[in-house]
C-alpha atoms as a PDB file:
ATOM      1  CA  UNK A   1     171.546-187.113 -24.030  1.00  0.00           C
ATOM      2  CA  UNK A   2     174.284-185.395 -25.976  1.00  0.00           C
ATOM      3  CA  UNK A   3     173.369-187.585 -28.942  1.00  0.00           C
ATOM      4  CA  UNK A   4     169.869-186.144 -29.127  1.00  0.00           C
ATOM      5  CA  UNK A   5     170.827-182.550 -28.410  1.00  0.00           C
ATOM      6  CA  UNK A   6     174.145-181.965 -30.145  1.00  0.00           C
ATOM      7  CA  UNK A   7     174.821-184.881 -32.491  1.00  0.00           C
ATOM      8  CA  UNK A   8     176.417-184.020 -35.796  1.00  0.00           C
ATOM      9  CA  UNK A   9     177.634-186.536 -38.308  1.00  0.00           C
ATOM     10  CA  UNK A  10     181.380-186.836 -37.660  1.00  0.00           C
ATOM     11  CA  UNK A  11     182.017-186.756 -41.371  1.00  0.00           C
ATOM     12  CA  UNK A  12     184.679-189.432 -41.196  1.00  0.00           C
ATOM     13  CA  UNK A  13     185.498-191.527 -44.199  1.00  0.00           C
ATOM     14  CA  UNK A  14     185.181-195.277 -43.968  1.00  0.00           C
ATOM     15  CA  UNK A  15     188.928-195.719 -43.343  1.00  0.00           C
ATOM     16  CA  UNK A  16     188.886-193.300 -40.397  1.00  0.00           C
ATOM     17  CA  UNK A  17     185.789-194.984 -38.944  1.00  0.00           C
ATOM     18  CA  UNK A  18     187.459-198.376 -39.281  1.00  0.00           C
ATOM     19  CA  UNK A  19     190.611-197.046 -37.582  1.00  0.00           C
ATOM     20  CA  UNK A  20     188.643-195.681 -34.590  1.00  0.00           C
ATOM     21  CA  UNK A  21     186.658-198.913 -34.245  1.00  0.00           C
ATOM     22  CA  UNK A  22     189.847-200.984 -34.549  1.00  0.00           C
ATOM     23  CA  UNK A  23     191.564-198.848 -31.905  1.00  0.00           C
ATOM     24  CA  UNK A  24     188.591-199.316 -29.577  1.00  0.00           C
ATOM     25  CA  UNK A  25     188.434-203.078 -30.196  1.00  0.00           C
ATOM     26  CA  UNK A  26     192.178-203.539 -29.624  1.00  0.00           C
ATOM     27  CA  UNK A  27     192.082-201.485 -26.416  1.00  0.00           C
ATOM     28  CA  UNK A  28     189.109-203.467 -25.061  1.00  0.00           C
ATOM     29  CA  UNK A  29     190.735-206.781 -25.999  1.00  0.00           C
ATOM     30  CA  UNK A  30     193.954-205.759 -24.250  1.00  0.00           C
ATOM     31  CA  UNK A  31     191.951-204.652 -21.206  1.00  0.00           C
ATOM     32  CA  UNK A  32     190.332-208.110 -21.092  1.00  0.00           C
ATOM     33  CA  UNK A  33     193.731-209.798 -21.414  1.00  0.00           C
ATOM     34  CA  UNK A  34     195.094-207.677 -18.567  1.00  0.00           C
ATOM     35  CA  UNK A  35     192.203-208.636 -16.293  1.00  0.00           C
ATOM     36  CA  UNK A  36     192.585-212.290 -17.196  1.00  0.00           C
ATOM     37  CA  UNK A  37     196.343-212.094 -16.591  1.00  0.00           C
ATOM     38  CA  UNK A  38     195.823-210.422 -13.194  1.00  0.00           C
ATOM     39  CA  UNK A  39     193.362-213.143 -12.217  1.00  0.00           C
ATOM     40  CA  UNK A  40     195.973-215.829 -12.861  1.00  0.00           C
ATOM     41  CA  UNK A  41     198.644-214.201 -10.689  1.00  0.00           C
ATOM     42  CA  UNK A  42     197.290-215.563  -7.450  1.00  0.00           C
ATOM     43  CA  UNK A  43     198.156-219.073  -6.459  1.00  0.00           C
ATOM     44  CA  UNK A  44     195.811-222.016  -6.433  1.00  0.00           C
ATOM     45  CA  UNK A  45     193.310-221.583  -3.539  1.00  0.00           C
ATOM     46  CA  UNK A  46     193.605-225.296  -2.712  1.00  0.00           C
ATOM     47  CA  UNK A  47     197.399-225.095  -2.511  1.00  0.00           C
ATOM     48  CA  UNK A  48     198.839-224.744   0.983  1.00  0.00           C
ATOM     49  CA  UNK A  49     201.974-222.711   1.585  1.00  0.00           C
ATOM     50  CA  UNK A  50     204.750-223.696   3.992  1.00  0.00           C
ATOM     51  CA  UNK A  51     203.127-221.754   6.824  1.00  0.00           C
ATOM     52  CA  UNK A  52     199.846-223.628   6.270  1.00  0.00           C
ATOM     53  CA  UNK A  53     198.049-220.643   4.750  1.00  0.00           C
ATOM     54  CA  UNK A  54     196.196-220.621   1.455  1.00  0.00           C
ATOM     55  CA  UNK A  55     198.027-220.144  -1.844  1.00  0.00           C
ATOM     56  CA  UNK A  56     195.834-217.100  -2.515  1.00  0.00           C
ATOM     57  CA  UNK A  57     198.130-215.006  -0.324  1.00  0.00           C
ATOM     58  CA  UNK A  58     201.077-215.456  -2.655  1.00  0.00           C
ATOM     59  CA  UNK A  59     201.516-212.433  -4.948  1.00  0.00           C
ATOM     60  CA  UNK A  60     203.368-212.077  -8.220  1.00  0.00           C
ATOM     61  CA  UNK A  61     204.402-209.077 -10.278  1.00  0.00           C
ATOM     62  CA  UNK A  62     202.558-208.833 -13.614  1.00  0.00           C
ATOM     63  CA  UNK A  63     204.570-208.675 -16.826  1.00  0.00           C
ATOM     64  CA  UNK A  64     203.511-208.162 -20.435  1.00  0.00           C
ATOM     65  CA  UNK A  65     200.208-206.775 -21.788  1.00  0.00           C
ATOM     66  CA  UNK A  66     201.429-203.236 -21.035  1.00  0.00           C
ATOM     67  CA  UNK A  67     202.546-203.925 -17.451  1.00  0.00           C
ATOM     68  CA  UNK A  68     206.165-203.423 -18.509  1.00  0.00           C
ATOM     69  CA  UNK A  69     205.340-199.799 -19.433  1.00  0.00           C
ATOM     70  CA  UNK A  70     202.908-198.834 -16.640  1.00  0.00           C
ATOM     71  CA  UNK A  71     201.941-200.310 -13.298  1.00  0.00           C
ATOM     72  CA  UNK A  72     198.175-200.510 -13.972  1.00  0.00           C
ATOM     73  CA  UNK A  73     197.955-201.478 -17.624  1.00  0.00           C
ATOM     74  CA  UNK A  74     194.280-202.413 -17.379  1.00  0.00           C
ATOM     75  CA  UNK A  75     193.449-198.754 -16.617  1.00  0.00           C
ATOM     76  CA  UNK A  76     195.658-197.594 -19.474  1.00  0.00           C
ATOM     77  CA  UNK A  77     193.784-199.809 -21.956  1.00  0.00           C
ATOM     78  CA  UNK A  78     190.418-198.734 -20.535  1.00  0.00           C
ATOM     79  CA  UNK A  79     191.399-195.084 -20.963  1.00  0.00           C
ATOM     80  CA  UNK A  80     192.546-195.706 -24.536  1.00  0.00           C
ATOM     81  CA  UNK A  81     189.233-197.442 -25.278  1.00  0.00           C
ATOM     82  CA  UNK A  82     187.342-194.363 -24.052  1.00  0.00           C
ATOM     83  CA  UNK A  83     189.595-192.084 -26.078  1.00  0.00           C
ATOM     84  CA  UNK A  84     188.844-194.165 -29.176  1.00  0.00           C
ATOM     85  CA  UNK A  85     185.108-194.145 -28.388  1.00  0.00           C
ATOM     86  CA  UNK A  86     185.114-190.388 -27.901  1.00  0.00           C
ATOM     87  CA  UNK A  87     187.152-189.863 -31.049  1.00  0.00           C
ATOM     88  CA  UNK A  88     184.858-192.069 -33.116  1.00  0.00           C
ATOM     89  CA  UNK A  89     181.629-190.543 -31.862  1.00  0.00           C
ATOM     90  CA  UNK A  90     183.029-187.053 -31.231  1.00  0.00           C
ATOM     91  CA  UNK A  91     181.222-187.284 -27.920  1.00  0.00           C
ATOM     92  CA  UNK A  92     183.548-185.044 -25.964  1.00  0.00           C
ATOM     93  CA  UNK A  93     181.131-185.021 -23.050  1.00  0.00           C
ATOM     94  CA  UNK A  94     181.920-188.726 -22.637  1.00  0.00           C
ATOM     95  CA  UNK A  95     185.618-187.937 -22.475  1.00  0.00           C
ATOM     96  CA  UNK A  96     185.150-185.154 -19.943  1.00  0.00           C
ATOM     97  CA  UNK A  97     182.931-187.292 -17.707  1.00  0.00           C
ATOM     98  CA  UNK A  98     185.305-190.242 -17.959  1.00  0.00           C
ATOM     99  CA  UNK A  99     188.300-188.083 -17.060  1.00  0.00           C
ATOM    100  CA  UNK A 100     186.499-186.700 -14.015  1.00  0.00           C
ATOM    101  CA  UNK A 101     185.451-190.163 -12.850  1.00  0.00           C
ATOM    102  CA  UNK A 102     188.800-191.827 -13.521  1.00  0.00           C
ATOM    103  CA  UNK A 103     190.878-189.115 -11.858  1.00  0.00           C
ATOM    104  CA  UNK A 104     188.660-188.879  -8.771  1.00  0.00           C
ATOM    105  CA  UNK A 105     190.082-191.993  -7.032  1.00  0.00           C
ATOM    106  CA  UNK A 106     193.614-190.717  -7.639  1.00  0.00           C
ATOM    107  CA  UNK A 107     192.844-187.459  -5.838  1.00  0.00           C
ATOM    108  CA  UNK A 108     191.282-189.024  -2.742  1.00  0.00           C
ATOM    109  CA  UNK A 109     193.405-189.113   0.384  1.00  0.00           C
ATOM    110  CA  UNK A 110     192.456-192.591   1.580  1.00  0.00           C
ATOM    111  CA  UNK A 111     194.224-192.029   4.905  1.00  0.00           C
ATOM    112  CA  UNK A 112     191.702-189.322   5.749  1.00  0.00           C
ATOM    113  CA  UNK A 113     188.829-191.657   4.904  1.00  0.00           C
ATOM    114  CA  UNK A 114     190.095-194.481   7.108  1.00  0.00           C
ATOM    115  CA  UNK A 115     190.950-192.388  10.209  1.00  0.00           C
ATOM    116  CA  UNK A 116     188.358-192.341  12.931  1.00  0.00           C
END
């Protein structure tokens, strides 16, 4: 909706546009790699552990792809992708909405939700 009401040509040169698109593409690619890496951390579901349980219960700590800097690198890359998108399109409404949505789960007290 913002596009139709408030859109103005960002006035970027071709190098700046390419930099924003490259930043977005790199952030999305890294987000995909993080998700793929997290999916491989669980053991083989057909593997049985010593206690007879499934290998899916075995957990590992992720390394690389940004996990050495932050604990949830996939969210970091997703946030950077939205920053790049907002910077490219100058759609600051997108950034504001994304910030509200992404910070909402952090602010929830899940203990209050689970108490009966």
